[in-house]
Amino acid sequence: LNSRLRAIIQNAKSANMPKENIERAIKKASEKSTDNFKEILLEGYAPYGIAILVEAATDNKNRTVANIRSYFNKFEGSLATSGSVDFLFNHLCYFQIKNEGIDSEELELDLIDFGIIDFDTKNGEINITANFEDFGSLQKEIDRREINIISSEFEREAINIKTITEDQKIIVDKLIKLIDEDDDVHNVFHDMA
């Protein structure tokens, strides 16, 4: 039922990790007390109006929010209220599969019913993009067809990209790097070109 765990398992299988190692890692992680850990999405604006989304998992929301707020403040940005930035991004999932003996045109037509947004074939691989909500059904269909999934991942893609000067970009990059180095942060997304 956990789409993130399903994606991680799929990527481990694609890297030929033995099933026993995967099961051992899951068991080890489930033994740790994760009851207090919560996933949070923090939203803010970097200098020059660049929107930033931060995905984090924390056992102390107050600490994490305070840390992220301090990073924004250090670079003259600001942490925003929930919902004020998220709408500027599409929440997507990606699959990369091997194009071996597959009629790609037929597959594309069949997968439209499973919510694909983009289907791109190049270099012996097929890249499939869909909305985050369609991840589970799309993965099950690809597995049902016994197609080898190379990798799968989740992404937040900016709807509109903002262009700023190179000097401004250096400052925003420093903020993004600082946020990304926080132990609680998993992903940082932005709308900077």
Foldseek 3Di string as FASTA:
>chain_A
DDLVLVQVVLQCVLVVNDPVVSVVVVVVVVVDPCVLKDWDWWWWAAPPRKTKIWIFIDSDVVVLVVQLQVLRVVRVIGTDDPPPRLVQWFKKKKWKFFQDPDPQVVVVVVCVVLAWDDWDDDDRMIMTMGGPVSSVVSVVVCVVVVTRTNGMDIDIGGPAADEDDPVSVVSVVVSLVSSCPDPGTDDMDIRYD
